[in-house]
Amino acid sequence: MNADQLKKLQTQDGFIAALDQSGGSTPKALRLYGVEETEYSGDEEMFDQVHAMRTRIMTSPSFGGNRILGAILFEMTMDREVSGKPTAQYLWEQKQVVPFLKVDKGLADEQDGVQMMKPMPGLDDLLAKAKAAGIFGTKMRSVIKQASASGVKAVVAQQFEIGKRIVAADLVPIIEPEVDIHCPDKAAAEDLLEANLIEQLNALGADEKVMLKLTLPEQADLYADCIAHPNVVRVVALSGGYSRDEANARLSRNHGMVASFSRALSEGLNANQTAEEFDAMMDASIQSICDASKT
């Protein structure tokens, strides 16, 4: 793995930008950005529109490695170019932003209070492709809907089982067992999650490094032991449907945790804004998330 990228992620202030909306969430993301479904037809045009949105974000003068540690990409974004360079190469060489790739294939139906990840039959080929493209790490998401001891255990076990395959491919996995913010006993689910994470982290070999992406918890500093764990490069927080203000407020109460926001990052951006308006909104968003990440 790239030692400069690892050091940046371990030591620098900032946050990770999540630019990895997949096919299911793309129409909503575009609608929030001011692009209606009447303005494109079919998946190809839709993905052209979303790549234009992501390109505008990545090429904004406000988007840079001074405040942004990394960016999580959808596979189609990795396969495309930004300003004439492959996206991952552009991010690191032009912006000093570490590139990550979303590798999961979506969620299975809810069972035992959780949604596991769907099978990933082509994972090894995708990891080899990502490595060749200059990707540093990966991201994969499961969802915990209920405080189910067996469900939470299964989610974390699946995440680490696949995570070890990603580590073996010389990439750093972002393990993301999201706790749904509408979980009826969210605090209990988070206690179960924390215990399972520590158990799995303790079972890793000394050179097996992972990152964690976790829902902002009900109890401040719940994940302090995960943050301090020698196998953990960084613990990042997902906004999970909270508004940017609420997400930032919760994040500031969790020391050592930094943001990895998607919707909360793009909140307020609009396709019809002038370059000046767009960059000003980006700058304000990035600074507010950065400030909350510094605690």
Protein backbone atom coordinates (compact mmCIF):
# COMPACT_ATOMS: atom_id res chain seq x y z
CA MET A 1 0.00 0.00 0.00
CA ASN A 2 1.05 3.61 -0.50
CA ALA A 3 2.89 4.75 2.67
CA ASP A 4 2.16 8.45 2.05
CA GLN A 5 -1.56 7.74 1.71
CA LEU A 6 -1.56 5.60 4.87
CA LYS A 7 0.22 8.30 6.86
CA LYS A 8 -2.21 10.95 5.64
CA LEU A 9 -5.21 8.88 6.72
CA GLN A 10 -3.70 8.08 10.12
CA THR A 11 -2.47 11.54 11.09
CA GLN A 12 -4.07 14.42 9.18
CA ASP A 13 -7.14 16.41 10.20
CA GLY A 14 -9.99 16.28 7.71
CA PHE A 15 -12.70 13.90 6.57
CA ILE A 16 -13.62 11.41 3.84
CA ALA A 17 -16.01 12.45 1.08
CA ALA A 18 -18.48 9.72 0.09
CA LEU A 19 -19.18 10.08 -3.65
CA ASP A 20 -20.44 6.55 -4.14
CA GLN A 21 -24.21 6.67 -4.61
CA SER A 22 -25.09 3.56 -6.61
CA GLY A 23 -27.86 2.99 -9.15
CA GLY A 24 -30.62 2.78 -6.56
CA SER A 25 -29.87 6.09 -4.82
CA THR A 26 -28.66 8.03 -7.87
CA PRO A 27 -32.03 9.50 -9.01
CA LYS A 28 -32.62 10.89 -5.51
CA ALA A 29 -29.09 12.33 -5.35
CA LEU A 30 -29.58 13.98 -8.75
CA ARG A 31 -33.00 15.32 -7.76
CA LEU A 32 -31.52 16.94 -4.64
CA TYR A 33 -28.87 18.44 -6.92
CA GLY A 34 -31.57 19.99 -9.12
CA VAL A 35 -31.51 17.50 -12.01
CA GLU A 36 -35.00 16.05 -12.56
CA GLU A 37 -35.63 12.59 -13.98
CA THR A 38 -37.15 14.26 -17.07
CA GLU A 39 -33.69 15.58 -17.95
CA TYR A 40 -32.22 12.15 -18.77
CA SER A 41 -33.47 8.84 -20.13
CA GLY A 42 -32.02 5.45 -19.27
CA ASP A 43 -29.16 4.44 -17.02
CA GLU A 44 -26.38 5.64 -19.32
CA GLU A 45 -27.62 9.24 -19.39
CA MET A 46 -28.32 9.08 -15.65
CA PHE A 47 -24.74 8.02 -14.92
CA ASP A 48 -23.43 10.72 -17.27
CA GLN A 49 -25.35 13.26 -15.20
CA VAL A 50 -24.08 11.93 -11.89
CA HIS A 51 -20.50 11.79 -13.17
CA ALA A 52 -20.87 15.45 -14.18
CA MET A 53 -22.04 16.23 -10.64
CA ARG A 54 -19.16 14.31 -9.05
CA THR A 55 -16.67 15.89 -11.46
CA ARG A 56 -17.93 19.34 -10.50
CA ILE A 57 -17.43 18.48 -6.82
CA MET A 58 -13.95 16.98 -7.33
CA THR A 59 -12.70 19.81 -9.56
CA SER A 60 -14.03 22.57 -7.28
CA PRO A 61 -11.19 24.72 -5.88
CA SER A 62 -12.67 24.05 -2.43
CA PHE A 63 -12.19 20.27 -2.79
CA GLY A 64 -8.61 19.46 -1.85
CA GLY A 65 -6.35 17.33 0.31
CA ASN A 66 -5.82 20.12 2.84
CA ARG A 67 -9.26 19.33 4.31
CA ILE A 68 -10.34 16.11 2.59
CA LEU A 69 -8.49 12.91 3.43
CA GLY A 70 -10.11 10.58 0.93
CA ALA A 71 -13.01 10.04 -1.44
CA ILE A 72 -15.13 6.90 -1.87
CA LEU A 73 -15.99 6.15 -5.50
CA PHE A 74 -18.56 4.02 -7.28
CA GLU A 75 -16.98 1.53 -9.72
CA MET A 76 -18.29 3.45 -12.73
CA THR A 77 -16.63 6.62 -11.40
CA MET A 78 -13.31 4.79 -11.05
CA ASP A 79 -13.65 3.64 -14.66
CA ARG A 80 -14.15 7.21 -15.93
CA GLU A 81 -11.90 10.25 -16.17
CA VAL A 82 -11.81 13.63 -14.48
CA SER A 83 -10.02 16.44 -16.34
CA GLY A 84 -8.47 13.90 -18.72
CA LYS A 85 -7.07 11.58 -16.03
CA PRO A 86 -8.47 8.35 -14.57
CA THR A 87 -10.47 9.41 -11.50
CA ALA A 88 -8.29 7.75 -8.82
CA GLN A 89 -5.14 9.17 -10.40
CA TYR A 90 -6.71 12.65 -10.63
CA LEU A 91 -7.74 12.58 -6.96
CA TRP A 92 -4.28 11.70 -5.66
CA GLU A 93 -2.03 13.51 -8.14
CA GLN A 94 -4.05 16.72 -8.50
CA LYS A 95 -5.83 16.94 -5.16
CA GLN A 96 -3.83 14.74 -2.72
CA VAL A 97 -7.10 12.98 -1.85
CA VAL A 98 -6.84 9.22 -1.19
CA PRO A 99 -9.14 7.15 -3.46
CA PHE A 100 -11.42 4.38 -2.16
CA LEU A 101 -13.83 2.11 -4.04
CA LYS A 102 -17.28 0.88 -3.01
CA VAL A 103 -17.17 -2.89 -3.60
CA ASP A 104 -20.42 -4.29 -2.19
CA LYS A 105 -23.30 -5.33 -4.47
CA GLY A 106 -26.02 -3.95 -2.25
CA LEU A 107 -28.07 -5.31 0.63
CA ALA A 108 -29.95 -8.58 1.07
CA ASP A 109 -33.49 -8.49 2.45
CA GLU A 110 -33.85 -7.92 6.17
CA GLN A 111 -33.49 -11.07 8.25
CA ASP A 112 -32.96 -11.38 12.02
CA GLY A 113 -33.09 -7.58 12.33
CA VAL A 114 -30.25 -6.90 9.89
CA GLN A 115 -29.47 -6.59 6.19
CA MET A 116 -26.38 -8.54 5.25
CA MET A 117 -24.41 -7.84 2.09
CA LYS A 118 -25.40 -9.64 -1.10
CA PRO A 119 -22.86 -12.13 -2.51
CA MET A 120 -19.88 -10.59 -4.36
CA PRO A 121 -18.94 -13.24 -6.94
CA GLY A 122 -16.50 -11.06 -8.88
CA LEU A 123 -14.77 -9.54 -5.84
CA ASP A 124 -11.22 -10.81 -6.48
CA ASP A 125 -11.24 -9.48 -10.06
CA LEU A 126 -12.63 -6.14 -8.87
CA LEU A 127 -9.94 -5.84 -6.19
CA ALA A 128 -7.20 -6.53 -8.77
CA LYS A 129 -8.73 -3.91 -11.07
CA ALA A 130 -8.91 -1.39 -8.21
CA LYS A 131 -5.30 -2.01 -7.21
CA ALA A 132 -4.18 -1.48 -10.81
CA ALA A 133 -6.16 1.79 -10.96
CA GLY A 134 -4.36 3.21 -7.92
CA ILE A 135 -7.15 2.68 -5.38
CA PHE A 136 -5.96 2.62 -1.73
CA GLY A 137 -8.92 0.93 -0.06
CA THR A 138 -12.51 -0.23 -0.33
CA LYS A 139 -15.89 0.31 1.33
CA MET A 140 -18.75 -2.13 1.91
CA ARG A 141 -22.00 -1.55 3.78
CA SER A 142 -24.40 -3.66 5.84
CA VAL A 143 -27.33 -2.31 7.91
CA ILE A 144 -28.44 -3.11 11.45
CA LYS A 145 -32.17 -2.43 11.94
CA GLN A 146 -32.78 -4.03 15.34
CA ALA A 147 -30.81 -4.72 18.52
CA SER A 148 -30.53 -8.42 17.61
CA ALA A 149 -27.49 -10.08 19.20
CA SER A 150 -27.31 -12.85 16.58
CA GLY A 151 -28.02 -10.44 13.70
CA VAL A 152 -25.32 -7.97 14.72
CA LYS A 153 -22.82 -10.81 15.21
CA ALA A 154 -23.57 -12.12 11.71
CA VAL A 155 -23.16 -8.69 10.10
CA VAL A 156 -19.79 -8.03 11.75
CA ALA A 157 -18.53 -11.56 11.00
CA GLN A 158 -19.42 -11.16 7.30
CA GLN A 159 -17.74 -7.75 7.13
CA PHE A 160 -14.48 -9.04 8.62
CA GLU A 161 -14.48 -12.25 6.59
CA ILE A 162 -14.59 -10.23 3.35
CA GLY A 163 -12.37 -7.55 4.89
CA LYS A 164 -9.56 -10.08 5.31
CA ARG A 165 -9.78 -10.94 1.59
CA ILE A 166 -9.46 -7.24 0.81
CA VAL A 167 -6.44 -6.91 3.12
CA ALA A 168 -4.87 -9.92 1.34
CA ALA A 169 -5.24 -7.98 -1.94
CA ASP A 170 -3.10 -5.19 -0.40
CA LEU A 171 -6.01 -2.79 0.03
CA VAL A 172 -7.45 -1.29 3.23
CA PRO A 173 -11.15 -2.09 3.75
CA ILE A 174 -13.57 0.39 5.24
CA ILE A 175 -15.88 -1.87 7.21
CA GLU A 176 -19.33 -0.26 7.43
CA PRO A 177 -21.96 -1.95 9.63
CA GLU A 178 -24.43 0.96 9.67
CA VAL A 179 -26.91 1.18 12.53
CA ASP A 180 -30.16 2.57 11.11
CA ILE A 181 -30.86 5.90 12.84
CA HIS A 182 -34.50 4.78 13.15
CA CYS A 183 -33.56 1.56 15.00
CA PRO A 184 -36.04 1.36 17.92
CA ASP A 185 -33.29 0.56 20.45
CA LYS A 186 -30.35 2.21 18.73
CA ALA A 187 -28.17 2.47 21.85
CA ALA A 188 -28.51 -1.27 22.59
CA ALA A 189 -27.72 -2.14 18.96
CA GLU A 190 -24.59 0.04 19.17
CA ASP A 191 -23.43 -1.66 22.38
CA LEU A 192 -23.75 -5.04 20.62
CA LEU A 193 -21.89 -3.68 17.60
CA GLU A 194 -19.02 -2.25 19.63
CA ALA A 195 -18.47 -5.55 21.47
CA ASN A 196 -18.43 -7.52 18.19
CA LEU A 197 -16.08 -5.06 16.52
CA ILE A 198 -13.55 -5.30 19.35
CA GLU A 199 -13.75 -9.12 19.27
CA GLN A 200 -13.06 -9.19 15.51
CA LEU A 201 -10.32 -6.53 15.70
CA ASN A 202 -8.53 -8.48 18.42
CA ALA A 203 -8.48 -11.55 16.15
CA LEU A 204 -6.65 -9.75 13.31
CA GLY A 205 -2.97 -10.27 12.61
CA ALA A 206 -0.62 -7.40 13.49
CA ASP A 207 -0.24 -6.33 9.85
CA GLU A 208 -3.97 -6.54 8.97
CA LYS A 209 -5.15 -2.91 8.88
CA VAL A 210 -8.78 -1.86 8.54
CA MET A 211 -10.91 1.27 8.79
CA LEU A 212 -14.38 1.46 10.32
CA LYS A 213 -17.34 3.55 9.13
CA LEU A 214 -19.97 3.79 11.85
CA THR A 215 -23.25 5.55 12.56
CA LEU A 216 -22.90 8.45 14.98
CA PRO A 217 -23.71 6.77 18.33
CA GLU A 218 -26.21 7.68 21.03
CA GLN A 219 -23.47 7.48 23.66
CA ALA A 220 -20.63 9.89 22.93
CA ASP A 221 -17.20 8.24 22.56
CA LEU A 222 -18.74 4.74 22.50
CA TYR A 223 -16.16 3.68 19.91
CA ALA A 224 -13.08 5.07 21.74
CA ASP A 225 -11.54 1.59 22.06
CA CYS A 226 -12.01 0.99 18.32
CA ILE A 227 -10.35 4.34 17.55
CA ALA A 228 -7.37 3.44 19.76
CA HIS A 229 -7.03 -0.12 18.41
CA PRO A 230 -3.64 -0.81 16.76
CA ASN A 231 -5.28 -2.50 13.74
CA VAL A 232 -7.51 0.49 12.98
CA VAL A 233 -6.21 3.13 10.56
CA ARG A 234 -9.14 5.52 11.21
CA VAL A 235 -12.74 5.47 12.39
CA VAL A 236 -15.07 7.55 10.25
CA ALA A 237 -18.71 8.45 10.79
CA LEU A 238 -21.61 8.23 8.38
CA SER A 239 -24.33 10.88 8.48
CA GLY A 240 -27.03 8.22 8.10
CA GLY A 241 -29.86 10.57 7.19
CA TYR A 242 -29.16 13.19 9.85
CA SER A 243 -29.06 16.76 8.54
CA ARG A 244 -25.57 18.25 8.21
CA ASP A 245 -26.07 20.37 11.35
CA GLU A 246 -27.26 17.39 13.41
CA ALA A 247 -24.51 15.14 12.02
CA ASN A 248 -21.84 17.75 12.76
CA ALA A 249 -23.18 18.29 16.30
CA ARG A 250 -23.11 14.54 17.02
CA LEU A 251 -19.69 14.16 15.42
CA SER A 252 -18.17 16.92 17.56
CA ARG A 253 -19.12 14.90 20.68
CA ASN A 254 -17.14 11.85 19.46
CA HIS A 255 -13.42 12.46 19.92
CA GLY A 256 -11.07 11.04 17.30
CA MET A 257 -13.90 10.15 14.91
CA VAL A 258 -13.92 11.95 11.56
CA ALA A 259 -16.71 12.35 9.03
CA SER A 260 -17.43 10.34 5.92
CA PHE A 261 -20.52 12.14 4.73
CA SER A 262 -22.35 11.78 1.42
CA ARG A 263 -25.70 13.55 1.48
CA ALA A 264 -24.54 15.93 4.22
CA LEU A 265 -21.61 16.94 1.99
CA SER A 266 -23.70 17.65 -1.10
CA GLU A 267 -26.55 19.33 0.82
CA GLY A 268 -27.25 22.71 -0.77
CA LEU A 269 -25.36 22.07 -4.01
CA ASN A 270 -27.36 22.70 -7.18
CA ALA A 271 -26.70 22.16 -10.86
CA ASN A 272 -27.99 25.67 -11.61
CA GLN A 273 -25.56 27.48 -9.32
CA THR A 274 -22.82 29.61 -10.88
CA ALA A 275 -19.24 28.43 -10.34
CA GLU A 276 -18.85 31.07 -7.60
CA GLU A 277 -22.06 30.02 -5.82
CA PHE A 278 -21.19 26.34 -6.09
CA ASP A 279 -17.65 26.80 -4.75
CA ALA A 280 -18.86 29.01 -1.91
CA MET A 281 -21.39 26.37 -0.84
CA MET A 282 -18.76 23.62 -1.17
CA ASP A 283 -16.28 25.64 0.89
CA ALA A 284 -18.81 26.25 3.69
CA SER A 285 -19.92 22.59 3.72
CA ILE A 286 -16.36 21.26 3.75
CA GLN A 287 -15.28 23.65 6.50
CA SER A 288 -18.24 22.83 8.78
CA ILE A 289 -17.66 19.08 8.40
CA CYS A 290 -13.90 19.54 8.84
CA ASP A 291 -14.40 21.56 12.04
CA ALA A 292 -16.70 18.89 13.51
CA SER A 293 -14.14 16.21 12.59
CA LYS A 294 -11.37 17.91 14.56
CA THR A 295 -12.70 17.02 18.01
